[in-house]
């Protein structure tokens, strides 16, 4: 059974690993640098890989046999349903984990100098713990890839049609990629809360309404941290809907052509809010929690994969 599953799986497996080898060769040849295209390309590849594994590995591995009816032949050759599915799941999950792990290792190695810049003052680099980058670094891509593969198998067993199962797998996995970072990940570890006094030095920006009225401020954030929320609060600790009239004139006016806005004057003007008891409240995950969050989220996806696998075996009883 293992040999048969390998023969069915070897072509898509070979194609993917050839593509991964090509990506690794490009990054190794380019060497470590700050090329924006390569940086974003690596990020995109690590987000795309699990979805591709689920749709193009997980789904056809099951639906191809169910649509052709060859599963009945296998089951009549002394191979039980459970063993048939276990071999396919085991082979695919290991291959998916290995593929995602290798790609993540290469991309993380190449991007390490750029990621390190996130902790530098005035850096515009997205921290690796941030929502936009977290699942494209470390070991989390392994959990995503295994989950996507088993999700594809489950969709194939339920729908038994390749195209429909692929579509469902991609939609569900895309939803997971949105919901987990925004809803689940912030609660995996308690966030750090910090009240920051407003000063001309730490005010970084201002959010305005449609009439250019100041609503809230933005301050310099902890180096390399993932800021879950940032709010301007008054002396009583209440979140402000808009800043008082006192600072309405602090918003930089449109400069003359060729001139720059006077941000220094603007920030000093907003800093007078500190005398009225206004503060900035930050809720964030420090950069040091990157690996604990990586392990927790990976474990979460592996548990989810196990539950999906259990569902697959249950569902298999009803496949004729």
C-alpha atoms as a PDB file:
ATOM      1  CA  UNK A   1       0.000   0.000   0.000  1.00  0.00           C
ATOM      2  CA  UNK A   2       2.855   2.376   0.812  1.00  0.00           C
ATOM      3  CA  UNK A   3       4.472   1.679  -2.552  1.00  0.00           C
ATOM      4  CA  UNK A   4       1.174   2.316  -4.361  1.00  0.00           C
ATOM      5  CA  UNK A   5       0.585   5.588  -2.504  1.00  0.00           C
ATOM      6  CA  UNK A   6       4.130   6.670  -3.312  1.00  0.00           C
ATOM      7  CA  UNK A   7       3.623   6.008  -7.032  1.00  0.00           C
ATOM      8  CA  UNK A   8       0.423   8.076  -7.009  1.00  0.00           C
ATOM      9  CA  UNK A   9       2.042  10.886  -5.074  1.00  0.00           C
ATOM     10  CA  UNK A  10       5.517  11.096  -6.553  1.00  0.00           C
ATOM     11  CA  UNK A  11       4.776  13.404  -9.524  1.00  0.00           C
ATOM     12  CA  UNK A  12       3.166  16.299  -7.584  1.00  0.00           C
ATOM     13  CA  UNK A  13       5.748  15.762  -4.859  1.00  0.00           C
ATOM     14  CA  UNK A  14       8.612  16.010  -7.349  1.00  0.00           C
ATOM     15  CA  UNK A  15       7.153  19.125  -9.003  1.00  0.00           C
ATOM     16  CA  UNK A  16       6.840  20.948  -5.705  1.00  0.00           C
ATOM     17  CA  UNK A  17      10.319  20.071  -4.514  1.00  0.00           C
ATOM     18  CA  UNK A  18      11.780  21.177  -7.844  1.00  0.00           C
ATOM     19  CA  UNK A  19      10.031  24.536  -7.365  1.00  0.00           C
ATOM     20  CA  UNK A  20      11.363  24.773  -3.802  1.00  0.00           C
ATOM     21  CA  UNK A  21      14.868  23.976  -5.013  1.00  0.00           C
ATOM     22  CA  UNK A  22      14.573  26.757  -7.594  1.00  0.00           C
ATOM     23  CA  UNK A  23      13.487  29.266  -4.926  1.00  0.00           C
ATOM     24  CA  UNK A  24      16.329  28.196  -2.644  1.00  0.00           C
ATOM     25  CA  UNK A  25      18.845  28.505  -5.499  1.00  0.00           C
ATOM     26  CA  UNK A  26      17.676  32.042  -6.301  1.00  0.00           C
ATOM     27  CA  UNK A  27      17.963  33.152  -2.667  1.00  0.00           C
ATOM     28  CA  UNK A  28      21.337  31.492  -2.156  1.00  0.00           C
ATOM     29  CA  UNK A  29      22.681  32.963  -5.405  1.00  0.00           C
ATOM     30  CA  UNK A  30      21.386  36.449  -4.526  1.00  0.00           C
ATOM     31  CA  UNK A  31      22.842  36.254  -1.032  1.00  0.00           C
ATOM     32  CA  UNK A  32      21.530  38.126   1.964  1.00  0.00           C
ATOM     33  CA  UNK A  33      20.429  41.622   0.983  1.00  0.00           C
ATOM     34  CA  UNK A  34      17.464  43.970   1.315  1.00  0.00           C
ATOM     35  CA  UNK A  35      15.979  43.419  -2.132  1.00  0.00           C
ATOM     36  CA  UNK A  36      12.269  44.266  -1.799  1.00  0.00           C
ATOM     37  CA  UNK A  37      11.157  41.886  -4.564  1.00  0.00           C
ATOM     38  CA  UNK A  38      12.900  38.874  -3.044  1.00  0.00           C
ATOM     39  CA  UNK A  39      11.724  39.827   0.438  1.00  0.00           C
ATOM     40  CA  UNK A  40       8.078  40.054  -0.608  1.00  0.00           C
ATOM     41  CA  UNK A  41       8.440  37.039  -2.880  1.00  0.00           C
ATOM     42  CA  UNK A  42       9.572  34.850   0.014  1.00  0.00           C
ATOM     43  CA  UNK A  43       6.685  36.092   2.143  1.00  0.00           C
ATOM     44  CA  UNK A  44       4.182  35.380  -0.646  1.00  0.00           C
ATOM     45  CA  UNK A  45       5.611  31.901  -1.288  1.00  0.00           C
ATOM     46  CA  UNK A  46       5.240  30.883   2.351  1.00  0.00           C
ATOM     47  CA  UNK A  47       1.628  32.066   2.444  1.00  0.00           C
ATOM     48  CA  UNK A  48       0.814  30.379  -0.859  1.00  0.00           C
ATOM     49  CA  UNK A  49       2.541  27.039  -0.204  1.00  0.00           C
ATOM     50  CA  UNK A  50       0.106  25.611   2.411  1.00  0.00           C
ATOM     51  CA  UNK A  51      -2.920  26.565   0.300  1.00  0.00           C
ATOM     52  CA  UNK A  52      -1.364  24.915  -2.761  1.00  0.00           C
ATOM     53  CA  UNK A  53      -0.558  21.781  -0.754  1.00  0.00           C
ATOM     54  CA  UNK A  54      -4.139  21.519   0.480  1.00  0.00           C
ATOM     55  CA  UNK A  55      -5.739  22.058  -2.917  1.00  0.00           C
ATOM     56  CA  UNK A  56      -3.299  20.247  -5.203  1.00  0.00           C
ATOM     57  CA  UNK A  57      -1.992  17.507  -2.908  1.00  0.00           C
ATOM     58  CA  UNK A  58      -4.682  16.788  -0.342  1.00  0.00           C
ATOM     59  CA  UNK A  59      -7.762  16.929  -2.551  1.00  0.00           C
ATOM     60  CA  UNK A  60      -6.609  14.848  -5.572  1.00  0.00           C
ATOM     61  CA  UNK A  61      -4.992  12.238  -3.355  1.00  0.00           C
ATOM     62  CA  UNK A  62      -8.503  11.103  -2.398  1.00  0.00           C
ATOM     63  CA  UNK A  63     -10.909  12.360  -5.057  1.00  0.00           C
ATOM     64  CA  UNK A  64      -8.868  10.914  -7.913  1.00  0.00           C
ATOM     65  CA  UNK A  65      -9.524   7.398  -6.633  1.00  0.00           C
ATOM     66  CA  UNK A  66     -13.095   8.072  -5.534  1.00  0.00           C
ATOM     67  CA  UNK A  67     -14.055   9.504  -8.921  1.00  0.00           C
ATOM     68  CA  UNK A  68     -12.371   6.645 -10.812  1.00  0.00           C
ATOM     69  CA  UNK A  69     -13.645   3.967  -8.424  1.00  0.00           C
ATOM     70  CA  UNK A  70     -10.168   2.453  -7.972  1.00  0.00           C
ATOM     71  CA  UNK A  71     -10.522   2.628  -4.181  1.00  0.00           C
ATOM     72  CA  UNK A  72     -12.882  -0.365  -4.352  1.00  0.00           C
ATOM     73  CA  UNK A  73     -10.229  -2.417  -6.112  1.00  0.00           C
ATOM     74  CA  UNK A  74      -7.664  -1.583  -3.417  1.00  0.00           C
ATOM     75  CA  UNK A  75     -10.094  -2.428  -0.619  1.00  0.00           C
ATOM     76  CA  UNK A  76     -10.725  -5.830  -2.220  1.00  0.00           C
ATOM     77  CA  UNK A  77      -7.009  -6.652  -2.270  1.00  0.00           C
ATOM     78  CA  UNK A  78      -6.640  -7.151   1.468  1.00  0.00           C
ATOM     79  CA  UNK A  79      -6.090  -3.459   2.271  1.00  0.00           C
ATOM     80  CA  UNK A  80      -8.505  -2.099   4.853  1.00  0.00           C
ATOM     81  CA  UNK A  81     -10.117   1.307   4.517  1.00  0.00           C
ATOM     82  CA  UNK A  82      -8.299   2.538   7.578  1.00  0.00           C
ATOM     83  CA  UNK A  83      -4.888   1.509   6.302  1.00  0.00           C
ATOM     84  CA  UNK A  84      -5.615   2.976   2.870  1.00  0.00           C
ATOM     85  CA  UNK A  85      -6.382   6.368   4.392  1.00  0.00           C
ATOM     86  CA  UNK A  86      -3.679   6.225   7.071  1.00  0.00           C
ATOM     87  CA  UNK A  87      -0.923   5.664   4.503  1.00  0.00           C
ATOM     88  CA  UNK A  88      -2.143   8.523   2.336  1.00  0.00           C
ATOM     89  CA  UNK A  89      -2.494  10.891   5.284  1.00  0.00           C
ATOM     90  CA  UNK A  90       0.839   9.920   6.780  1.00  0.00           C
ATOM     91  CA  UNK A  91       2.804  10.209   3.551  1.00  0.00           C
ATOM     92  CA  UNK A  92       1.196  13.514   2.588  1.00  0.00           C
ATOM     93  CA  UNK A  93       1.463  15.116   6.026  1.00  0.00           C
ATOM     94  CA  UNK A  94       5.162  14.289   6.346  1.00  0.00           C
ATOM     95  CA  UNK A  95       5.881  15.564   2.828  1.00  0.00           C
ATOM     96  CA  UNK A  96       3.900  18.763   3.487  1.00  0.00           C
ATOM     97  CA  UNK A  97       5.693  19.420   6.775  1.00  0.00           C
ATOM     98  CA  UNK A  98       9.084  18.837   5.187  1.00  0.00           C
ATOM     99  CA  UNK A  99       8.338  21.114   2.224  1.00  0.00           C
ATOM    100  CA  UNK A 100       7.078  23.977   4.401  1.00  0.00           C
ATOM    101  CA  UNK A 101       9.924  23.533   6.873  1.00  0.00           C
ATOM    102  CA  UNK A 102      12.592  23.659   4.169  1.00  0.00           C
ATOM    103  CA  UNK A 103      11.120  26.721   2.477  1.00  0.00           C
ATOM    104  CA  UNK A 104      10.681  28.540   5.779  1.00  0.00           C
ATOM    105  CA  UNK A 105      14.261  27.733   6.810  1.00  0.00           C
ATOM    106  CA  UNK A 106      15.699  29.105   3.564  1.00  0.00           C
ATOM    107  CA  UNK A 107      13.531  32.236   3.508  1.00  0.00           C
ATOM    108  CA  UNK A 108      14.067  32.933   7.221  1.00  0.00           C
ATOM    109  CA  UNK A 109      17.826  32.553   6.783  1.00  0.00           C
ATOM    110  CA  UNK A 110      17.879  34.900   3.787  1.00  0.00           C
ATOM    111  CA  UNK A 111      15.643  37.516   5.454  1.00  0.00           C
ATOM    112  CA  UNK A 112      17.325  37.412   8.885  1.00  0.00           C
ATOM    113  CA  UNK A 113      19.321  40.668   8.389  1.00  0.00           C
ATOM    114  CA  UNK A 114      16.194  42.483   7.174  1.00  0.00           C
ATOM    115  CA  UNK A 115      14.093  41.102  10.057  1.00  0.00           C
ATOM    116  CA  UNK A 116      16.751  42.297  12.505  1.00  0.00           C
ATOM    117  CA  UNK A 117      16.270  45.848  11.239  1.00  0.00           C
ATOM    118  CA  UNK A 118      12.747  45.850  12.718  1.00  0.00           C
ATOM    119  CA  UNK A 119      14.287  46.492  16.121  1.00  0.00           C
ATOM    120  CA  UNK A 120      16.281  49.526  14.993  1.00  0.00           C
ATOM    121  CA  UNK A 121      15.071  53.063  15.783  1.00  0.00           C
ATOM    122  CA  UNK A 122      12.916  54.654  13.054  1.00  0.00           C
ATOM    123  CA  UNK A 123      12.809  51.350  11.129  1.00  0.00           C
ATOM    124  CA  UNK A 124       9.963  50.817   8.665  1.00  0.00           C
ATOM    125  CA  UNK A 125      10.569  47.059   8.431  1.00  0.00           C
ATOM    126  CA  UNK A 126       7.633  44.899   9.542  1.00  0.00           C
ATOM    127  CA  UNK A 127       8.595  42.872  12.612  1.00  0.00           C
ATOM    128  CA  UNK A 128       8.555  39.118  12.143  1.00  0.00           C
ATOM    129  CA  UNK A 129       6.079  38.802  15.037  1.00  0.00           C
ATOM    130  CA  UNK A 130       3.652  41.151  13.292  1.00  0.00           C
ATOM    131  CA  UNK A 131       0.437  39.775  11.760  1.00  0.00           C
ATOM    132  CA  UNK A 132       1.670  40.393   8.223  1.00  0.00           C
ATOM    133  CA  UNK A 133       4.879  38.383   8.644  1.00  0.00           C
ATOM    134  CA  UNK A 134       4.365  35.866  11.447  1.00  0.00           C
ATOM    135  CA  UNK A 135       3.154  32.908   9.350  1.00  0.00           C
ATOM    136  CA  UNK A 136       5.998  33.420   6.864  1.00  0.00           C
ATOM    137  CA  UNK A 137       8.739  32.760   9.407  1.00  0.00           C
ATOM    138  CA  UNK A 138       9.832  30.063  11.848  1.00  0.00           C
ATOM    139  CA  UNK A 139       8.003  26.761  12.275  1.00  0.00           C
ATOM    140  CA  UNK A 140       4.418  27.995  11.914  1.00  0.00           C
ATOM    141  CA  UNK A 141       4.373  27.304   8.143  1.00  0.00           C
ATOM    142  CA  UNK A 142       4.797  23.612   9.022  1.00  0.00           C
ATOM    143  CA  UNK A 143       1.582  23.621  11.050  1.00  0.00           C
ATOM    144  CA  UNK A 144      -0.262  25.535   8.335  1.00  0.00           C
ATOM    145  CA  UNK A 145       0.920  23.123   5.628  1.00  0.00           C
ATOM    146  CA  UNK A 146      -0.075  19.959   7.521  1.00  0.00           C
ATOM    147  CA  UNK A 147      -3.453  21.462   8.388  1.00  0.00           C
ATOM    148  CA  UNK A 148      -4.102  22.514   4.782  1.00  0.00           C
ATOM    149  CA  UNK A 149      -3.197  19.042   3.505  1.00  0.00           C
ATOM    150  CA  UNK A 150      -5.558  17.246   5.899  1.00  0.00           C
ATOM    151  CA  UNK A 151      -8.237  19.854   5.172  1.00  0.00           C
ATOM    152  CA  UNK A 152      -7.930  19.018   1.470  1.00  0.00           C
ATOM    153  CA  UNK A 153      -8.300  15.314   2.216  1.00  0.00           C
ATOM    154  CA  UNK A 154     -11.386  15.973   4.361  1.00  0.00           C
ATOM    155  CA  UNK A 155     -12.962  18.141   1.668  1.00  0.00           C
ATOM    156  CA  UNK A 156     -12.296  15.428  -0.888  1.00  0.00           C
ATOM    157  CA  UNK A 157     -13.934  12.757   1.248  1.00  0.00           C
ATOM    158  CA  UNK A 158     -17.025  14.902   1.830  1.00  0.00           C
ATOM    159  CA  UNK A 159     -17.549  16.310  -1.680  1.00  0.00           C
ATOM    160  CA  UNK A 160     -15.935  13.534  -3.746  1.00  0.00           C
ATOM    161  CA  UNK A 161     -15.448  15.973  -6.633  1.00  0.00           C
ATOM    162  CA  UNK A 162     -12.004  17.368  -7.332  1.00  0.00           C
ATOM    163  CA  UNK A 163     -12.837  20.889  -8.518  1.00  0.00           C
ATOM    164  CA  UNK A 164     -15.489  21.504  -5.862  1.00  0.00           C
ATOM    165  CA  UNK A 165     -13.230  20.164  -3.098  1.00  0.00           C
ATOM    166  CA  UNK A 166     -10.338  22.338  -4.276  1.00  0.00           C
ATOM    167  CA  UNK A 167     -12.521  25.444  -4.192  1.00  0.00           C
ATOM    168  CA  UNK A 168     -13.829  24.660  -0.700  1.00  0.00           C
ATOM    169  CA  UNK A 169     -10.318  23.935   0.567  1.00  0.00           C
ATOM    170  CA  UNK A 170      -8.978  27.255  -0.716  1.00  0.00           C
ATOM    171  CA  UNK A 171     -11.917  29.256   0.679  1.00  0.00           C
ATOM    172  CA  UNK A 172     -11.839  27.600   4.108  1.00  0.00           C
ATOM    173  CA  UNK A 173      -8.068  27.832   4.401  1.00  0.00           C
ATOM    174  CA  UNK A 174      -8.104  31.507   3.357  1.00  0.00           C
ATOM    175  CA  UNK A 175     -10.665  32.151   6.090  1.00  0.00           C
ATOM    176  CA  UNK A 176      -8.437  30.359   8.604  1.00  0.00           C
ATOM    177  CA  UNK A 177      -5.467  32.517   7.556  1.00  0.00           C
ATOM    178  CA  UNK A 178      -7.529  35.615   8.358  1.00  0.00           C
ATOM    179  CA  UNK A 179      -9.339  34.475  11.518  1.00  0.00           C
ATOM    180  CA  UNK A 180      -6.389  32.914  13.375  1.00  0.00           C
ATOM    181  CA  UNK A 181      -4.064  35.974  13.293  1.00  0.00           C
ATOM    182  CA  UNK A 182      -6.827  38.443  14.140  1.00  0.00           C
ATOM    183  CA  UNK A 183      -8.982  36.464  16.576  1.00  0.00           C
ATOM    184  CA  UNK A 184      -6.980  33.545  17.992  1.00  0.00           C
ATOM    185  CA  UNK A 185      -3.308  34.559  18.047  1.00  0.00           C
ATOM    186  CA  UNK A 186      -3.766  37.684  20.219  1.00  0.00           C
ATOM    187  CA  UNK A 187      -5.098  35.435  22.996  1.00  0.00           C
ATOM    188  CA  UNK A 188      -2.501  32.656  22.895  1.00  0.00           C
ATOM    189  CA  UNK A 189      -0.421  34.603  25.418  1.00  0.00           C
ATOM    190  CA  UNK A 190      -1.455  37.509  27.664  1.00  0.00           C
ATOM    191  CA  UNK A 191      -0.658  40.831  26.026  1.00  0.00           C
ATOM    192  CA  UNK A 192       1.574  43.430  27.637  1.00  0.00           C
ATOM    193  CA  UNK A 193      -0.202  46.687  28.449  1.00  0.00           C
ATOM    194  CA  UNK A 194       1.671  49.953  28.695  1.00  0.00           C
ATOM    195  CA  UNK A 195       0.567  53.532  29.313  1.00  0.00           C
ATOM    196  CA  UNK A 196       2.839  55.926  27.460  1.00  0.00           C
ATOM    197  CA  UNK A 197       3.113  59.596  28.394  1.00  0.00           C
ATOM    198  CA  UNK A 198       2.792  61.907  25.393  1.00  0.00           C
ATOM    199  CA  UNK A 199       5.829  63.962  24.455  1.00  0.00           C
ATOM    200  CA  UNK A 200       7.137  65.725  21.382  1.00  0.00           C
ATOM    201  CA  UNK A 201       9.811  63.010  21.075  1.00  0.00           C
ATOM    202  CA  UNK A 202       7.571  59.946  21.104  1.00  0.00           C
ATOM    203  CA  UNK A 203       4.563  61.208  19.107  1.00  0.00           C
ATOM    204  CA  UNK A 204       4.876  59.637  15.669  1.00  0.00           C
ATOM    205  CA  UNK A 205       1.656  60.495  13.887  1.00  0.00           C
ATOM    206  CA  UNK A 206      -1.980  61.545  14.140  1.00  0.00           C
ATOM    207  CA  UNK A 207      -5.204  60.091  12.756  1.00  0.00           C
ATOM    208  CA  UNK A 208      -7.722  62.632  11.498  1.00  0.00           C
ATOM    209  CA  UNK A 209     -11.370  62.544  10.427  1.00  0.00           C
ATOM    210  CA  UNK A 210     -12.813  63.642   7.088  1.00  0.00           C
ATOM    211  CA  UNK A 211     -12.631  67.271   8.222  1.00  0.00           C
ATOM    212  CA  UNK A 212      -8.965  66.980   9.252  1.00  0.00           C
ATOM    213  CA  UNK A 213      -9.936  67.005  12.909  1.00  0.00           C
ATOM    214  CA  UNK A 214      -7.501  65.021  15.110  1.00  0.00           C
ATOM    215  CA  UNK A 215      -9.012  61.762  16.421  1.00  0.00           C
ATOM    216  CA  UNK A 216      -6.117  59.856  17.969  1.00  0.00           C
ATOM    217  CA  UNK A 217      -2.347  59.885  18.155  1.00  0.00           C
ATOM    218  CA  UNK A 218       0.269  57.284  17.351  1.00  0.00           C
ATOM    219  CA  UNK A 219       3.459  56.982  19.394  1.00  0.00           C
ATOM    220  CA  UNK A 220       6.781  55.248  18.853  1.00  0.00           C
ATOM    221  CA  UNK A 221       6.208  51.541  19.401  1.00  0.00           C
ATOM    222  CA  UNK A 222       8.381  49.029  21.256  1.00  0.00           C
ATOM    223  CA  UNK A 223      11.130  47.740  18.981  1.00  0.00           C
ATOM    224  CA  UNK A 224      10.163  44.616  17.051  1.00  0.00           C
ATOM    225  CA  UNK A 225       6.839  44.231  18.867  1.00  0.00           C
ATOM    226  CA  UNK A 226       3.416  43.319  17.513  1.00  0.00           C
ATOM    227  CA  UNK A 227       1.032  46.061  18.640  1.00  0.00           C
ATOM    228  CA  UNK A 228      -2.409  44.514  19.053  1.00  0.00           C
ATOM    229  CA  UNK A 229      -4.123  47.827  19.795  1.00  0.00           C
ATOM    230  CA  UNK A 230      -3.194  51.467  20.384  1.00  0.00           C
ATOM    231  CA  UNK A 231      -5.597  53.997  21.885  1.00  0.00           C
ATOM    232  CA  UNK A 232      -5.488  57.550  23.158  1.00  0.00           C
ATOM    233  CA  UNK A 233      -7.107  57.765  26.607  1.00  0.00           C
ATOM    234  CA  UNK A 234      -8.096  60.749  28.727  1.00  0.00           C
ATOM    235  CA  UNK A 235      -7.287  61.448  32.391  1.00  0.00           C
ATOM    236  CA  UNK A 236     -10.073  59.072  33.513  1.00  0.00           C
ATOM    237  CA  UNK A 237      -8.763  56.235  31.368  1.00  0.00           C
ATOM    238  CA  UNK A 238     -11.560  56.414  28.811  1.00  0.00           C
ATOM    239  CA  UNK A 239     -10.822  55.928  25.124  1.00  0.00           C
ATOM    240  CA  UNK A 240     -11.317  59.221  23.307  1.00  0.00           C
ATOM    241  CA  UNK A 241     -13.429  59.435  20.168  1.00  0.00           C
ATOM    242  CA  UNK A 242     -11.696  62.636  19.130  1.00  0.00           C
ATOM    243  CA  UNK A 243      -9.089  64.907  20.646  1.00  0.00           C
ATOM    244  CA  UNK A 244     -10.142  68.188  22.343  1.00  0.00           C
ATOM    245  CA  UNK A 245     -10.459  71.514  20.544  1.00  0.00           C
ATOM    246  CA  UNK A 246      -7.262  72.601  22.261  1.00  0.00           C
ATOM    247  CA  UNK A 247      -5.170  70.646  19.728  1.00  0.00           C
ATOM    248  CA  UNK A 248      -7.301  71.067  16.612  1.00  0.00           C
ATOM    249  CA  UNK A 249      -4.805  73.549  15.245  1.00  0.00           C
ATOM    250  CA  UNK A 250      -1.895  71.141  15.824  1.00  0.00           C
ATOM    251  CA  UNK A 251      -2.506  69.185  12.612  1.00  0.00           C
ATOM    252  CA  UNK A 252       0.202  70.163  10.098  1.00  0.00           C
ATOM    253  CA  UNK A 253      -1.212  72.384   7.399  1.00  0.00           C
ATOM    254  CA  UNK A 254      -0.531  71.754   3.735  1.00  0.00           C
ATOM    255  CA  UNK A 255       2.967  73.117   3.040  1.00  0.00           C
ATOM    256  CA  UNK A 256       3.936  75.375   0.200  1.00  0.00           C
ATOM    257  CA  UNK A 257       5.091  73.583  -2.970  1.00  0.00           C
ATOM    258  CA  UNK A 258       8.514  72.082  -2.371  1.00  0.00           C
ATOM    259  CA  UNK A 259       8.302  72.492   1.432  1.00  0.00           C
ATOM    260  CA  UNK A 260       7.788  69.801   4.086  1.00  0.00           C
ATOM    261  CA  UNK A 261       5.131  69.850   6.843  1.00  0.00           C
ATOM    262  CA  UNK A 262       6.405  71.160  10.170  1.00  0.00           C
ATOM    263  CA  UNK A 263       6.030  67.890  12.077  1.00  0.00           C
ATOM    264  CA  UNK A 264       8.311  69.064  14.884  1.00  0.00           C
ATOM    265  CA  UNK A 265       5.976  71.953  15.727  1.00  0.00           C
ATOM    266  CA  UNK A 266       2.946  69.703  15.326  1.00  0.00           C
ATOM    267  CA  UNK A 267       4.236  67.032  17.694  1.00  0.00           C
ATOM    268  CA  UNK A 268       5.206  69.628  20.288  1.00  0.00           C
ATOM    269  CA  UNK A 269       1.713  71.082  20.019  1.00  0.00           C
ATOM    270  CA  UNK A 270       0.057  67.685  20.591  1.00  0.00           C
ATOM    271  CA  UNK A 271       2.395  67.004  23.533  1.00  0.00           C
ATOM    272  CA  UNK A 272       0.514  69.582  25.627  1.00  0.00           C
ATOM    273  CA  UNK A 273      -2.201  66.928  26.011  1.00  0.00           C
ATOM    274  CA  UNK A 274       0.056  65.280  28.574  1.00  0.00           C
ATOM    275  CA  UNK A 275      -0.626  68.196  30.941  1.00  0.00           C
ATOM    276  CA  UNK A 276      -4.357  67.361  30.735  1.00  0.00           C
ATOM    277  CA  UNK A 277      -3.730  63.731  31.676  1.00  0.00           C
ATOM    278  CA  UNK A 278      -3.974  62.238  28.192  1.00  0.00           C
ATOM    279  CA  UNK A 279      -1.889  59.124  27.542  1.00  0.00           C
ATOM    280  CA  UNK A 280      -1.377  56.526  24.893  1.00  0.00           C
ATOM    281  CA  UNK A 281      -2.368  52.966  25.841  1.00  0.00           C
ATOM    282  CA  UNK A 282      -0.552  50.172  24.031  1.00  0.00           C
ATOM    283  CA  UNK A 283      -1.405  46.471  24.088  1.00  0.00           C
ATOM    284  CA  UNK A 284       1.296  44.423  22.422  1.00  0.00           C
ATOM    285  CA  UNK A 285       3.266  41.195  22.226  1.00  0.00           C
ATOM    286  CA  UNK A 286       6.986  41.861  22.755  1.00  0.00           C
ATOM    287  CA  UNK A 287       9.502  40.654  20.186  1.00  0.00           C
ATOM    288  CA  UNK A 288      10.778  38.074  22.703  1.00  0.00           C
ATOM    289  CA  UNK A 289       7.487  36.170  22.461  1.00  0.00           C
ATOM    290  CA  UNK A 290       7.978  35.313  18.802  1.00  0.00           C
ATOM    291  CA  UNK A 291       9.090  31.721  19.447  1.00  0.00           C
ATOM    292  CA  UNK A 292       6.591  30.941  22.239  1.00  0.00           C
ATOM    293  CA  UNK A 293       3.801  32.118  19.924  1.00  0.00           C
ATOM    294  CA  UNK A 294       5.296  30.110  17.068  1.00  0.00           C
ATOM    295  CA  UNK A 295       5.236  26.892  19.105  1.00  0.00           C
ATOM    296  CA  UNK A 296       1.736  27.522  20.442  1.00  0.00           C
ATOM    297  CA  UNK A 297       0.233  28.299  17.040  1.00  0.00           C
ATOM    298  CA  UNK A 298       1.989  25.361  15.402  1.00  0.00           C
ATOM    299  CA  UNK A 299       0.663  23.078  18.145  1.00  0.00           C
ATOM    300  CA  UNK A 300      -2.814  24.527  17.606  1.00  0.00           C
ATOM    301  CA  UNK A 301      -2.719  23.679  13.900  1.00  0.00           C
ATOM    302  CA  UNK A 302      -1.342  20.194  14.525  1.00  0.00           C
ATOM    303  CA  UNK A 303      -4.167  19.526  16.986  1.00  0.00           C
ATOM    304  CA  UNK A 304      -6.604  20.837  14.381  1.00  0.00           C
ATOM    305  CA  UNK A 305      -5.014  18.512  11.835  1.00  0.00           C
ATOM    306  CA  UNK A 306      -5.481  15.593  14.198  1.00  0.00           C
ATOM    307  CA  UNK A 307      -9.151  16.423  14.652  1.00  0.00           C
ATOM    308  CA  UNK A 308      -9.619  16.685  10.896  1.00  0.00           C
ATOM    309  CA  UNK A 309      -7.828  13.355  10.486  1.00  0.00           C
ATOM    310  CA  UNK A 310     -10.207  11.766  12.989  1.00  0.00           C
ATOM    311  CA  UNK A 311     -13.124  13.191  10.987  1.00  0.00           C
ATOM    312  CA  UNK A 312     -11.660  11.695   7.805  1.00  0.00           C
ATOM    313  CA  UNK A 313     -11.601   8.196   9.306  1.00  0.00           C
ATOM    314  CA  UNK A 314     -15.167   8.625  10.545  1.00  0.00           C
ATOM    315  CA  UNK A 315     -16.280   9.870   7.150  1.00  0.00           C
ATOM    316  CA  UNK A 316     -14.564   6.996   5.378  1.00  0.00           C
ATOM    317  CA  UNK A 317     -17.065   4.562   6.913  1.00  0.00           C
ATOM    318  CA  UNK A 318     -19.795   6.099   4.756  1.00  0.00           C
ATOM    319  CA  UNK A 319     -17.830   5.973   1.500  1.00  0.00           C
ATOM    320  CA  UNK A 320     -18.980   3.189  -0.784  1.00  0.00           C
END
